[in-house]
Amino acid sequence: QLLLVAKEIDTPDLLILNAGIYEPVLIEKFCIETFIKQSEIN
């Protein structure tokens, strides 16, 4: 998807890489999926 967008626009003068999420980790409910999700996005 990102490559398609890049193909259709002119060269950026400024590229701001800002996308990200935050989900708290509760040690009593430790879940590996929380780590995977934030790593994949952030």
PDB file of all heavy atoms in Angstrom:
ATOM      1  N   GLN A   1       0.827  -1.204   0.000  1.00  0.00           N
ATOM      2  CA  GLN A   1       0.000   0.000   0.000  1.00  0.00           C
ATOM      3  C   GLN A   1       0.862   1.255   0.000  1.00  0.00           C
ATOM      4  O   GLN A   1       0.600   2.221  -0.728  1.00  0.00           O
ATOM      5  CB  GLN A   1      -0.929   0.010   1.216  1.00  0.00           C
ATOM      6  CG  GLN A   1      -2.044  -1.010   1.171  1.00  0.00           C
ATOM      7  CD  GLN A   1      -2.964  -0.903   2.376  1.00  0.00           C
ATOM      8  OE1 GLN A   1      -2.903   0.036   3.157  1.00  0.00           O
ATOM      9  NE2 GLN A   1      -3.824  -1.896   2.546  1.00  0.00           N
ATOM     10  N   LEU A   2       1.892   1.256   0.808  1.00  0.00           N
ATOM     11  CA  LEU A   2       2.762   2.424   0.910  1.00  0.00           C
ATOM     12  C   LEU A   2       3.517   2.677  -0.394  1.00  0.00           C
ATOM     13  O   LEU A   2       3.683   3.835  -0.816  1.00  0.00           O
ATOM     14  CB  LEU A   2       3.759   2.227   2.053  1.00  0.00           C
ATOM     15  CG  LEU A   2       3.144   2.153   3.454  1.00  0.00           C
ATOM     16  CD1 LEU A   2       4.198   1.694   4.455  1.00  0.00           C
ATOM     17  CD2 LEU A   2       2.567   3.498   3.867  1.00  0.00           C
ATOM     18  N   LEU A   3       3.951   1.631  -1.047  1.00  0.00           N
ATOM     19  CA  LEU A   3       4.657   1.773  -2.322  1.00  0.00           C
ATOM     20  C   LEU A   3       3.748   2.366  -3.394  1.00  0.00           C
ATOM     21  O   LEU A   3       4.196   3.174  -4.231  1.00  0.00           O
ATOM     22  CB  LEU A   3       5.204   0.420  -2.780  1.00  0.00           C
ATOM     23  CG  LEU A   3       6.396  -0.120  -1.980  1.00  0.00           C
ATOM     24  CD1 LEU A   3       6.693  -1.561  -2.367  1.00  0.00           C
ATOM     25  CD2 LEU A   3       7.631   0.761  -2.192  1.00  0.00           C
ATOM     26  N   LEU A   4       2.475   2.000  -3.372  1.00  0.00           N
ATOM     27  CA  LEU A   4       1.520   2.569  -4.328  1.00  0.00           C
ATOM     28  C   LEU A   4       1.344   4.061  -4.100  1.00  0.00           C
ATOM     29  O   LEU A   4       1.286   4.846  -5.052  1.00  0.00           O
ATOM     30  CB  LEU A   4       0.172   1.850  -4.215  1.00  0.00           C
ATOM     31  CG  LEU A   4       0.088   0.451  -4.811  1.00  0.00           C
ATOM     32  CD1 LEU A   4      -1.274  -0.183  -4.507  1.00  0.00           C
ATOM     33  CD2 LEU A   4       0.311   0.491  -6.320  1.00  0.00           C
ATOM     34  N   VAL A   5       1.266   4.443  -2.835  1.00  0.00           N
ATOM     35  CA  VAL A   5       1.141   5.866  -2.511  1.00  0.00           C
ATOM     36  C   VAL A   5       2.383   6.619  -2.986  1.00  0.00           C
ATOM     37  O   VAL A   5       2.292   7.667  -3.632  1.00  0.00           O
ATOM     38  CB  VAL A   5       0.944   6.082  -0.999  1.00  0.00           C
ATOM     39  CG1 VAL A   5       0.942   7.574  -0.674  1.00  0.00           C
ATOM     40  CG2 VAL A   5      -0.354   5.440  -0.531  1.00  0.00           C
ATOM     41  N   ALA A   6       3.551   6.071  -2.671  1.00  0.00           N
ATOM     42  CA  ALA A   6       4.809   6.722  -3.041  1.00  0.00           C
ATOM     43  C   ALA A   6       4.937   6.883  -4.550  1.00  0.00           C
ATOM     44  O   ALA A   6       5.468   7.889  -5.039  1.00  0.00           O
ATOM     45  CB  ALA A   6       5.989   5.927  -2.490  1.00  0.00           C
ATOM     46  N   LYS A   7       4.435   5.922  -5.283  1.00  0.00           N
ATOM     47  CA  LYS A   7       4.510   5.961  -6.743  1.00  0.00           C
ATOM     48  C   LYS A   7       3.675   7.088  -7.314  1.00  0.00           C
ATOM     49  O   LYS A   7       4.026   7.680  -8.343  1.00  0.00           O
ATOM     50  CB  LYS A   7       4.036   4.619  -7.314  1.00  0.00           C
ATOM     51  CG  LYS A   7       4.092   4.514  -8.828  1.00  0.00           C
ATOM     52  CD  LYS A   7       3.621   3.150  -9.295  1.00  0.00           C
ATOM     53  CE  LYS A   7       3.655   3.048 -10.816  1.00  0.00           C
ATOM     54  NZ  LYS A   7       3.181   1.712 -11.279  1.00  0.00           N
ATOM     55  N   GLU A   8       2.563   7.421  -6.646  1.00  0.00           N
ATOM     56  CA  GLU A   8       1.602   8.376  -7.186  1.00  0.00           C
ATOM     57  C   GLU A   8       1.858   9.825  -6.783  1.00  0.00           C
ATOM     58  O   GLU A   8       1.158  10.718  -7.244  1.00  0.00           O
ATOM     59  CB  GLU A   8       0.181   7.974  -6.746  1.00  0.00           C
ATOM     60  CG  GLU A   8      -0.315   6.679  -7.365  1.00  0.00           C
ATOM     61  CD  GLU A   8      -0.385   6.756  -8.882  1.00  0.00           C
ATOM     62  OE1 GLU A   8      -0.851   7.792  -9.390  1.00  0.00           O
ATOM     63  OE2 GLU A   8       0.036   5.787  -9.537  1.00  0.00           O
ATOM     64  N   ILE A   9       2.835  10.074  -5.936  1.00  0.00           N
ATOM     65  CA  ILE A   9       3.081  11.446  -5.496  1.00  0.00           C
ATOM     66  C   ILE A   9       4.464  11.904  -5.940  1.00  0.00           C
ATOM     67  O   ILE A   9       5.318  11.098  -6.292  1.00  0.00           O
ATOM     68  CB  ILE A   9       2.952  11.593  -3.963  1.00  0.00           C
ATOM     69  CG1 ILE A   9       4.068  10.837  -3.251  1.00  0.00           C
ATOM     70  CG2 ILE A   9       1.582  11.124  -3.488  1.00  0.00           C
ATOM     71  CD1 ILE A   9       4.138  11.102  -1.760  1.00  0.00           C
ATOM     72  N   ASP A  10       4.644  13.227  -5.923  1.00  0.00           N
ATOM     73  CA  ASP A  10       5.956  13.775  -6.222  1.00  0.00           C
ATOM     74  C   ASP A  10       6.903  13.521  -5.051  1.00  0.00           C
ATOM     75  O   ASP A  10       6.486  13.142  -3.964  1.00  0.00           O
ATOM     76  CB  ASP A  10       5.853  15.271  -6.493  1.00  0.00           C
ATOM     77  CG  ASP A  10       5.190  15.577  -7.822  1.00  0.00           C
ATOM     78  OD1 ASP A  10       5.389  14.809  -8.780  1.00  0.00           O
ATOM     79  OD2 ASP A  10       4.447  16.581  -7.910  1.00  0.00           O
ATOM     80  N   THR A  11       8.165  13.775  -5.269  1.00  0.00           N
ATOM     81  CA  THR A  11       9.182  13.538  -4.252  1.00  0.00           C
ATOM     82  C   THR A  11       8.926  14.387  -3.006  1.00  0.00           C
ATOM     83  O   THR A  11       8.790  15.607  -3.098  1.00  0.00           O
ATOM     84  CB  THR A  11      10.571  13.887  -4.798  1.00  0.00           C
ATOM     85  OG1 THR A  11      10.821  13.128  -5.982  1.00  0.00           O
ATOM     86  CG2 THR A  11      11.655  13.582  -3.761  1.00  0.00           C
ATOM     87  N   PRO A  12       8.855  13.766  -1.844  1.00  0.00           N
ATOM     88  CA  PRO A  12       8.662  14.545  -0.610  1.00  0.00           C
ATOM     89  C   PRO A  12       9.888  15.404  -0.292  1.00  0.00           C
ATOM     90  O   PRO A  12      11.026  14.964  -0.462  1.00  0.00           O
ATOM     91  CB  PRO A  12       8.462  13.478   0.463  1.00  0.00           C
ATOM     92  CG  PRO A  12       8.144  12.207  -0.270  1.00  0.00           C
ATOM     93  CD  PRO A  12       8.865  12.312  -1.575  1.00  0.00           C
ATOM     94  N   ASP A  13       9.633  16.616   0.177  1.00  0.00           N
ATOM     95  CA  ASP A  13      10.702  17.439   0.727  1.00  0.00           C
ATOM     96  C   ASP A  13      10.856  17.148   2.218  1.00  0.00           C
ATOM     97  O   ASP A  13      11.932  17.336   2.784  1.00  0.00           O
ATOM     98  CB  ASP A  13      10.361  18.925   0.539  1.00  0.00           C
ATOM     99  CG  ASP A  13      10.254  19.302  -0.928  1.00  0.00           C
ATOM    100  OD1 ASP A  13      11.304  19.423  -1.584  1.00  0.00           O
ATOM    101  OD2 ASP A  13       9.117  19.448  -1.414  1.00  0.00           O
ATOM    102  N   LEU A  14       9.752  16.705   2.811  1.00  0.00           N
ATOM    103  CA  LEU A  14       9.727  16.399   4.242  1.00  0.00           C
ATOM    104  C   LEU A  14       8.941  15.114   4.464  1.00  0.00           C
ATOM    105  O   LEU A  14       7.792  15.003   4.035  1.00  0.00           O
ATOM    106  CB  LEU A  14       9.066  17.554   5.005  1.00  0.00           C
ATOM    107  CG  LEU A  14       8.833  17.366   6.511  1.00  0.00           C
ATOM    108  CD1 LEU A  14      10.148  17.140   7.242  1.00  0.00           C
ATOM    109  CD2 LEU A  14       8.111  18.587   7.077  1.00  0.00           C
ATOM    110  N   LEU A  15       9.563  14.150   5.094  1.00  0.00           N
ATOM    111  CA  LEU A  15       8.929  12.869   5.403  1.00  0.00           C
ATOM    112  C   LEU A  15       8.841  12.724   6.914  1.00  0.00           C
ATOM    113  O   LEU A  15       9.864  12.609   7.600  1.00  0.00           O
ATOM    114  CB  LEU A  15       9.744  11.720   4.800  1.00  0.00           C
ATOM    115  CG  LEU A  15       9.297  10.298   5.123  1.00  0.00           C
ATOM    116  CD1 LEU A  15       7.880  10.042   4.622  1.00  0.00           C
ATOM    117  CD2 LEU A  15      10.269   9.282   4.512  1.00  0.00           C
ATOM    118  N   ILE A  16       7.618  12.777   7.443  1.00  0.00           N
ATOM    119  CA  ILE A  16       7.404  12.663   8.883  1.00  0.00           C
ATOM    120  C   ILE A  16       6.835  11.289   9.202  1.00  0.00           C
ATOM    121  O   ILE A  16       5.702  10.968   8.824  1.00  0.00           O
ATOM    122  CB  ILE A  16       6.466  13.764   9.403  1.00  0.00           C
ATOM    123  CG1 ILE A  16       7.083  15.144   9.148  1.00  0.00           C
ATOM    124  CG2 ILE A  16       6.190  13.572  10.900  1.00  0.00           C
ATOM    125  CD1 ILE A  16       6.241  16.299   9.645  1.00  0.00           C
ATOM    126  N   LEU A  17       7.626  10.469   9.880  1.00  0.00           N
ATOM    127  CA  LEU A  17       7.238   9.106  10.216  1.00  0.00           C
ATOM    128  C   LEU A  17       6.731   9.103  11.656  1.00  0.00           C
ATOM    129  O   LEU A  17       7.500   8.990  12.607  1.00  0.00           O
ATOM    130  CB  LEU A  17       8.438   8.175  10.026  1.00  0.00           C
ATOM    131  CG  LEU A  17       9.032   8.222   8.604  1.00  0.00           C
ATOM    132  CD1 LEU A  17      10.281   7.372   8.518  1.00  0.00           C
ATOM    133  CD2 LEU A  17       8.001   7.796   7.563  1.00  0.00           C
ATOM    134  N   ASN A  18       5.410   9.212  11.773  1.00  0.00           N
ATOM    135  CA  ASN A  18       4.792   9.489  13.063  1.00  0.00           C
ATOM    136  C   ASN A  18       3.843   8.400  13.555  1.00  0.00           C
ATOM    137  O   ASN A  18       3.471   8.386  14.724  1.00  0.00           O
ATOM    138  CB  ASN A  18       4.030  10.825  12.949  1.00  0.00           C
ATOM    139  CG  ASN A  18       3.162  11.115  14.145  1.00  0.00           C
ATOM    140  OD1 ASN A  18       3.649  11.447  15.221  1.00  0.00           O
ATOM    141  ND2 ASN A  18       1.846  10.982  13.970  1.00  0.00           N
ATOM    142  N   ALA A  19       3.463   7.479  12.689  1.00  0.00           N
ATOM    143  CA  ALA A  19       2.453   6.483  13.070  1.00  0.00           C
ATOM    144  C   ALA A  19       2.918   5.648  14.256  1.00  0.00           C
ATOM    145  O   ALA A  19       4.075   5.215  14.317  1.00  0.00           O
ATOM    146  CB  ALA A  19       2.133   5.577  11.885  1.00  0.00           C
ATOM    147  N   GLY A  20       2.026   5.439  15.200  1.00  0.00           N
ATOM    148  CA  GLY A  20       2.373   4.625  16.353  1.00  0.00           C
ATOM    149  C   GLY A  20       1.183   4.415  17.274  1.00  0.00           C
ATOM    150  O   GLY A  20       0.205   5.166  17.213  1.00  0.00           O
ATOM    151  N   ILE A  21       1.269   3.394  18.103  1.00  0.00           N
ATOM    152  CA  ILE A  21       0.215   3.103  19.075  1.00  0.00           C
ATOM    153  C   ILE A  21       0.848   2.830  20.430  1.00  0.00           C
ATOM    154  O   ILE A  21       2.045   2.552  20.528  1.00  0.00           O
ATOM    155  CB  ILE A  21      -0.641   1.888  18.668  1.00  0.00           C
ATOM    156  CG1 ILE A  21       0.236   0.618  18.613  1.00  0.00           C
ATOM    157  CG2 ILE A  21      -1.350   2.130  17.342  1.00  0.00           C
ATOM    158  CD1 ILE A  21      -0.557  -0.660  18.480  1.00  0.00           C
ATOM    159  N   TYR A  22       0.036   2.929  21.455  1.00  0.00           N
ATOM    160  CA  TYR A  22       0.477   2.571  22.800  1.00  0.00           C
ATOM    161  C   TYR A  22      -0.585   1.705  23.455  1.00  0.00           C
ATOM    162  O   TYR A  22      -1.765   2.056  23.491  1.00  0.00           O
ATOM    163  CB  TYR A  22       0.704   3.808  23.667  1.00  0.00           C
ATOM    164  CG  TYR A  22       0.845   3.495  25.144  1.00  0.00           C
ATOM    165  CD1 TYR A  22       2.010   2.918  25.638  1.00  0.00           C
ATOM    166  CD2 TYR A  22      -0.202   3.736  26.028  1.00  0.00           C
ATOM    167  CE1 TYR A  22       2.139   2.601  26.982  1.00  0.00           C
ATOM    168  CE2 TYR A  22      -0.081   3.427  27.376  1.00  0.00           C
ATOM    169  CZ  TYR A  22       1.087   2.862  27.856  1.00  0.00           C
ATOM    170  OH  TYR A  22       1.209   2.540  29.181  1.00  0.00           O
ATOM    171  N   GLU A  23      -0.156   0.560  23.964  1.00  0.00           N
ATOM    172  CA  GLU A  23      -1.021  -0.296  24.766  1.00  0.00           C
ATOM    173  C   GLU A  23      -0.233  -0.686  26.016  1.00  0.00           C
ATOM    174  O   GLU A  23       0.877  -1.212  25.903  1.00  0.00           O
ATOM    175  CB  GLU A  23      -1.440  -1.544  23.997  1.00  0.00           C
ATOM    176  CG  GLU A  23      -2.379  -1.261  22.834  1.00  0.00           C
ATOM    177  CD  GLU A  23      -2.821  -2.536  22.122  1.00  0.00           C
ATOM    178  OE1 GLU A  23      -2.405  -3.635  22.564  1.00  0.00           O
ATOM    179  OE2 GLU A  23      -3.555  -2.436  21.128  1.00  0.00           O
ATOM    180  N   PRO A  24      -0.762  -0.418  27.197  1.00  0.00           N
ATOM    181  CA  PRO A  24      -0.027  -0.731  28.431  1.00  0.00           C
ATOM    182  C   PRO A  24       0.141  -2.235  28.625  1.00  0.00           C
ATOM    183  O   PRO A  24      -0.703  -3.024  28.190  1.00  0.00           O
ATOM    184  CB  PRO A  24      -0.904  -0.128  29.525  1.00  0.00           C
ATOM    185  CG  PRO A  24      -2.283  -0.116  28.940  1.00  0.00           C
ATOM    186  CD  PRO A  24      -2.093   0.157  27.474  1.00  0.00           C
ATOM    187  N   VAL A  25       1.227  -2.591  29.249  1.00  0.00           N
ATOM    188  CA  VAL A  25       1.475  -3.996  29.581  1.00  0.00           C
ATOM    189  C   VAL A  25       1.268  -4.180  31.081  1.00  0.00           C
ATOM    190  O   VAL A  25       1.964  -3.568  31.899  1.00  0.00           O
ATOM    191  CB  VAL A  25       2.906  -4.412  29.202  1.00  0.00           C
ATOM    192  CG1 VAL A  25       3.186  -5.835  29.701  1.00  0.00           C
ATOM    193  CG2 VAL A  25       3.106  -4.332  27.701  1.00  0.00           C
ATOM    194  N   LEU A  26       0.311  -4.998  31.441  1.00  0.00           N
ATOM    195  CA  LEU A  26       0.073  -5.347  32.837  1.00  0.00           C
ATOM    196  C   LEU A  26       0.812  -6.646  33.118  1.00  0.00           C
ATOM    197  O   LEU A  26       0.556  -7.665  32.467  1.00  0.00           O
ATOM    198  CB  LEU A  26      -1.424  -5.515  33.104  1.00  0.00           C
ATOM    199  CG  LEU A  26      -2.298  -4.304  32.772  1.00  0.00           C
ATOM    200  CD1 LEU A  26      -3.763  -4.615  33.039  1.00  0.00           C
ATOM    201  CD2 LEU A  26      -1.850  -3.081  33.560  1.00  0.00           C
ATOM    202  N   ILE A  27       1.742  -6.594  34.034  1.00  0.00           N
ATOM    203  CA  ILE A  27       2.607  -7.746  34.265  1.00  0.00           C
ATOM    204  C   ILE A  27       1.805  -8.984  34.663  1.00  0.00           C
ATOM    205  O   ILE A  27       2.199 -10.119  34.390  1.00  0.00           O
ATOM    206  CB  ILE A  27       3.676  -7.409  35.330  1.00  0.00           C
ATOM    207  CG1 ILE A  27       4.873  -8.350  35.180  1.00  0.00           C
ATOM    208  CG2 ILE A  27       3.104  -7.447  36.735  1.00  0.00           C
ATOM    209  CD1 ILE A  27       5.652  -8.146  33.910  1.00  0.00           C
ATOM    210  N   GLU A  28       0.642  -8.768  35.299  1.00  0.00           N
ATOM    211  CA  GLU A  28      -0.212  -9.890  35.703  1.00  0.00           C
ATOM    212  C   GLU A  28      -0.936 -10.515  34.510  1.00  0.00           C
ATOM    213  O   GLU A  28      -1.429 -11.632  34.589  1.00  0.00           O
ATOM    214  CB  GLU A  28      -1.246  -9.418  36.727  1.00  0.00           C
ATOM    215  CG  GLU A  28      -0.670  -8.871  38.025  1.00  0.00           C
ATOM    216  CD  GLU A  28      -0.269  -7.416  37.896  1.00  0.00           C
ATOM    217  OE1 GLU A  28      -0.495  -6.816  36.818  1.00  0.00           O
ATOM    218  OE2 GLU A  28       0.274  -6.869  38.873  1.00  0.00           O
ATOM    219  N   LYS A  29      -1.013  -9.755  33.392  1.00  0.00           N
ATOM    220  CA  LYS A  29      -1.693 -10.252  32.191  1.00  0.00           C
ATOM    221  C   LYS A  29      -0.768 -10.132  30.990  1.00  0.00           C
ATOM    222  O   LYS A  29      -1.146  -9.648  29.929  1.00  0.00           O
ATOM    223  CB  LYS A  29      -2.985  -9.475  31.960  1.00  0.00           C
ATOM    224  CG  LYS A  29      -4.006  -9.606  33.080  1.00  0.00           C
ATOM    225  CD  LYS A  29      -5.267  -8.821  32.779  1.00  0.00           C
ATOM    226  CE  LYS A  29      -6.281  -8.952  33.912  1.00  0.00           C
ATOM    227  NZ  LYS A  29      -7.529  -8.168  33.642  1.00  0.00           N
ATOM    228  N   PHE A  30       0.453 -10.572  31.203  1.00  0.00           N
ATOM    229  CA  PHE A  30       1.478 -10.453  30.166  1.00  0.00           C
ATOM    230  C   PHE A  30       1.044 -11.183  28.900  1.00  0.00           C
ATOM    231  O   PHE A  30       0.646 -12.353  28.958  1.00  0.00           O
ATOM    232  CB  PHE A  30       2.791 -11.034  30.676  1.00  0.00           C
ATOM    233  CG  PHE A  30       3.997 -10.592  29.918  1.00  0.00           C
ATOM    234  CD1 PHE A  30       4.632  -9.411  30.224  1.00  0.00           C
ATOM    235  CD2 PHE A  30       4.487 -11.376  28.884  1.00  0.00           C
ATOM    236  CE1 PHE A  30       5.763  -9.002  29.527  1.00  0.00           C
ATOM    237  CE2 PHE A  30       5.609 -10.976  28.182  1.00  0.00           C
ATOM    238  CZ  PHE A  30       6.251  -9.791  28.502  1.00  0.00           C
ATOM    239  N   CYS A  31       1.104 -10.477  27.761  1.00  0.00           N
ATOM    240  CA  CYS A  31       0.622 -11.047  26.501  1.00  0.00           C
ATOM    241  C   CYS A  31       1.583 -10.696  25.377  1.00  0.00           C
ATOM    242  O   CYS A  31       1.799  -9.515  25.078  1.00  0.00           O
ATOM    243  CB  CYS A  31      -0.775 -10.515  26.188  1.00  0.00           C
ATOM    244  SG  CYS A  31      -1.441 -11.092  24.616  1.00  0.00           S
ATOM    245  N   ILE A  32       2.145 -11.710  24.753  1.00  0.00           N
ATOM    246  CA  ILE A  32       3.126 -11.489  23.692  1.00  0.00           C
ATOM    247  C   ILE A  32       2.528 -10.739  22.506  1.00  0.00           C
ATOM    248  O   ILE A  32       3.224 -10.000  21.797  1.00  0.00           O
ATOM    249  CB  ILE A  32       3.740 -12.837  23.237  1.00  0.00           C
ATOM    250  CG1 ILE A  32       4.953 -12.593  22.326  1.00  0.00           C
ATOM    251  CG2 ILE A  32       2.710 -13.686  22.533  1.00  0.00           C
ATOM    252  CD1 ILE A  32       6.097 -11.895  22.993  1.00  0.00           C
ATOM    253  N   GLU A  33       1.245 -10.903  22.273  1.00  0.00           N
ATOM    254  CA  GLU A  33       0.596 -10.232  21.143  1.00  0.00           C
ATOM    255  C   GLU A  33       0.681  -8.713  21.259  1.00  0.00           C
ATOM    256  O   GLU A  33       0.744  -8.005  20.251  1.00  0.00           O
ATOM    257  CB  GLU A  33      -0.866 -10.673  21.034  1.00  0.00           C
ATOM    258  CG  GLU A  33      -1.054 -12.131  20.652  1.00  0.00           C
ATOM    259  CD  GLU A  33      -0.403 -12.480  19.324  1.00  0.00           C
ATOM    260  OE1 GLU A  33      -0.441 -11.622  18.411  1.00  0.00           O
ATOM    261  OE2 GLU A  33       0.154 -13.579  19.210  1.00  0.00           O
ATOM    262  N   THR A  34       0.667  -8.215  22.484  1.00  0.00           N
ATOM    263  CA  THR A  34       0.800  -6.775  22.689  1.00  0.00           C
ATOM    264  C   THR A  34       2.150  -6.283  22.179  1.00  0.00           C
ATOM    265  O   THR A  34       2.253  -5.219  21.561  1.00  0.00           O
ATOM    266  CB  THR A  34       0.657  -6.428  24.189  1.00  0.00           C
ATOM    267  OG1 THR A  34      -0.595  -6.905  24.657  1.00  0.00           O
ATOM    268  CG2 THR A  34       0.742  -4.930  24.415  1.00  0.00           C
ATOM    269  N   PHE A  35       3.187  -7.077  22.408  1.00  0.00           N
ATOM    270  CA  PHE A  35       4.530  -6.724  21.955  1.00  0.00           C
ATOM    271  C   PHE A  35       4.635  -6.798  20.432  1.00  0.00           C
ATOM    272  O   PHE A  35       5.224  -5.917  19.796  1.00  0.00           O
ATOM    273  CB  PHE A  35       5.561  -7.657  22.596  1.00  0.00           C
ATOM    274  CG  PHE A  35       5.790  -7.381  24.051  1.00  0.00           C
ATOM    275  CD1 PHE A  35       4.864  -7.782  25.011  1.00  0.00           C
ATOM    276  CD2 PHE A  35       6.924  -6.707  24.468  1.00  0.00           C
ATOM    277  CE1 PHE A  35       5.071  -7.525  26.351  1.00  0.00           C
ATOM    278  CE2 PHE A  35       7.135  -6.443  25.811  1.00  0.00           C
ATOM    279  CZ  PHE A  35       6.208  -6.849  26.761  1.00  0.00           C
ATOM    280  N   ILE A  36       4.064  -7.842  19.877  1.00  0.00           N
ATOM    281  CA  ILE A  36       4.122  -8.014  18.420  1.00  0.00           C
ATOM    282  C   ILE A  36       3.393  -6.875  17.714  1.00  0.00           C
ATOM    283  O   ILE A  36       3.909  -6.285  16.753  1.00  0.00           O
ATOM    284  CB  ILE A  36       3.507  -9.372  18.021  1.00  0.00           C
ATOM    285  CG1 ILE A  36       4.378 -10.518  18.537  1.00  0.00           C
ATOM    286  CG2 ILE A  36       3.342  -9.462  16.499  1.00  0.00           C
ATOM    287  CD1 ILE A  36       3.776 -11.895  18.358  1.00  0.00           C
ATOM    288  N   LYS A  37       2.205  -6.534  18.201  1.00  0.00           N
ATOM    289  CA  LYS A  37       1.406  -5.486  17.569  1.00  0.00           C
ATOM    290  C   LYS A  37       2.128  -4.146  17.588  1.00  0.00           C
ATOM    291  O   LYS A  37       2.192  -3.444  16.563  1.00  0.00           O
ATOM    292  CB  LYS A  37       0.058  -5.367  18.281  1.00  0.00           C
ATOM    293  CG  LYS A  37      -0.877  -4.334  17.683  1.00  0.00           C
ATOM    294  CD  LYS A  37      -2.202  -4.314  18.442  1.00  0.00           C
ATOM    295  CE  LYS A  37      -3.162  -3.289  17.862  1.00  0.00           C
ATOM    296  NZ  LYS A  37      -4.452  -3.269  18.622  1.00  0.00           N
ATOM    297  N   GLN A  38       2.683  -3.770  18.740  1.00  0.00           N
ATOM    298  CA  GLN A  38       3.357  -2.478  18.828  1.00  0.00           C
ATOM    299  C   GLN A  38       4.657  -2.464  18.033  1.00  0.00           C
ATOM    300  O   GLN A  38       5.024  -1.438  17.450  1.00  0.00           O
ATOM    301  CB  GLN A  38       3.587  -2.114  20.295  1.00  0.00           C
ATOM    302  CG  GLN A  38       2.266  -1.809  21.002  1.00  0.00           C
ATOM    303  CD  GLN A  38       2.426  -1.334  22.431  1.00  0.00           C
ATOM    304  OE1 GLN A  38       2.916  -0.247  22.674  1.00  0.00           O
ATOM    305  NE2 GLN A  38       2.003  -2.162  23.374  1.00  0.00           N
ATOM    306  N   SER A  39       5.345  -3.593  17.976  1.00  0.00           N
ATOM    307  CA  SER A  39       6.559  -3.668  17.166  1.00  0.00           C
ATOM    308  C   SER A  39       6.247  -3.528  15.681  1.00  0.00           C
ATOM    309  O   SER A  39       6.962  -2.841  14.945  1.00  0.00           O
ATOM    310  CB  SER A  39       7.287  -4.994  17.420  1.00  0.00           C
ATOM    311  OG  SER A  39       7.751  -5.069  18.748  1.00  0.00           O
ATOM    312  N   GLU A  40       5.173  -4.156  15.242  1.00  0.00           N
ATOM    313  CA  GLU A  40       4.812  -4.115  13.823  1.00  0.00           C
ATOM    314  C   GLU A  40       4.410  -2.718  13.375  1.00  0.00           C
ATOM    315  O   GLU A  40       4.692  -2.317  12.239  1.00  0.00           O
ATOM    316  CB  GLU A  40       3.694  -5.115  13.539  1.00  0.00           C
ATOM    317  CG  GLU A  40       4.151  -6.564  13.582  1.00  0.00           C
ATOM    318  CD  GLU A  40       3.023  -7.543  13.287  1.00  0.00           C
ATOM    319  OE1 GLU A  40       1.842  -7.122  13.336  1.00  0.00           O
ATOM    320  OE2 GLU A  40       3.330  -8.712  13.001  1.00  0.00           O
ATOM    321  N   ILE A  41       3.750  -1.973  14.253  1.00  0.00           N
ATOM    322  CA  ILE A  41       3.305  -0.626  13.887  1.00  0.00           C
ATOM    323  C   ILE A  41       4.366   0.423  14.212  1.00  0.00           C
ATOM    324  O   ILE A  41       4.784   1.199  13.348  1.00  0.00           O
ATOM    325  CB  ILE A  41       1.977  -0.283  14.593  1.00  0.00           C
ATOM    326  CG1 ILE A  41       0.869  -1.219  14.108  1.00  0.00           C
ATOM    327  CG2 ILE A  41       1.601   1.185  14.335  1.00  0.00           C
ATOM    328  CD1 ILE A  41      -0.442  -1.056  14.853  1.00  0.00           C
ATOM    329  N   ASN A  42       4.816   0.442  15.460  1.00  0.00           N
ATOM    330  CA  ASN A  42       5.699   1.511  15.917  1.00  0.00           C
ATOM    331  C   ASN A  42       7.092   1.459  15.308  1.00  0.00           C
ATOM    332  O   ASN A  42       7.687   2.502  15.026  1.00  0.00           O
ATOM    333  CB  ASN A  42       5.833   1.466  17.435  1.00  0.00           C
ATOM    334  CG  ASN A  42       4.532   1.718  18.156  1.00  0.00           C
ATOM    335  OD1 ASN A  42       3.501   1.972  17.540  1.00  0.00           O
ATOM    336  ND2 ASN A  42       4.564   1.645  19.474  1.00  0.00           N
TER     337      ASN A  42
END
